[in-house]
Amino acid sequence: MTAVPRLGALAVFAGIVGGACGDPVPAGVAGPAFPVSTDLLAGATGLLTCDPLPADSVTRIVGPAGGAVEVGPHRLVVPAGALSADVAITGVTRPESVRRIDFRPDGLAFAESASLTMSYAGCGLVALPPLRIAYVSDDLVILEYLISLTDTSAREVTASLHHFSNYAVAW
């Protein structure tokens, strides 16, 4: 084999190995043993597709004592000590086919992690654990998956937040 074909083979191998370096799947855990309908999933984005919820916007003042903000079926809990001053926190949901919530002020950071619980009721799945909350861009590109816990009986997923932005339920 000459140097050029070896380099080509090496590039293909590196691409395959590099492509496999996403979020790890625990050893011994296979993917779903049943076919997953693309009607339930938002294409290749990894965002869960759901029946649209009504639009909602809520603003609450949360300060050093902590507090909660409920927007539609979703809730943000800010613990005591997470904020050093009062902040007007706004959460917005839209009538769209993904479960997304946008928080403002954008970029607000917490000294202690806040907890975001998002509902996936009306998403057509009984369960496809583990579901996760994803940090997403304005145009719904997944930027990061957050470590999340799925409560299948309540049809909710919860994650810790360190800052504000846009979040959506993902698989």
Foldseek 3Di string as FASTA:
>chain_A
DDPVVVVVVVVVVCVVVVVQPDPDDDPPDDADPDDDDVCQPVPPQQFGFFQFDAKWKDKDWAAQCWDKDDTVPKIKTGHHRFHHGIDTKMWIDHRGGWQKIAIPPFFAFTPDWMKIKTAPPRSPDLDRPPKFKFFAAPVGHGPGTFDWDADSVRRMIMGTDGTGGMITIGD
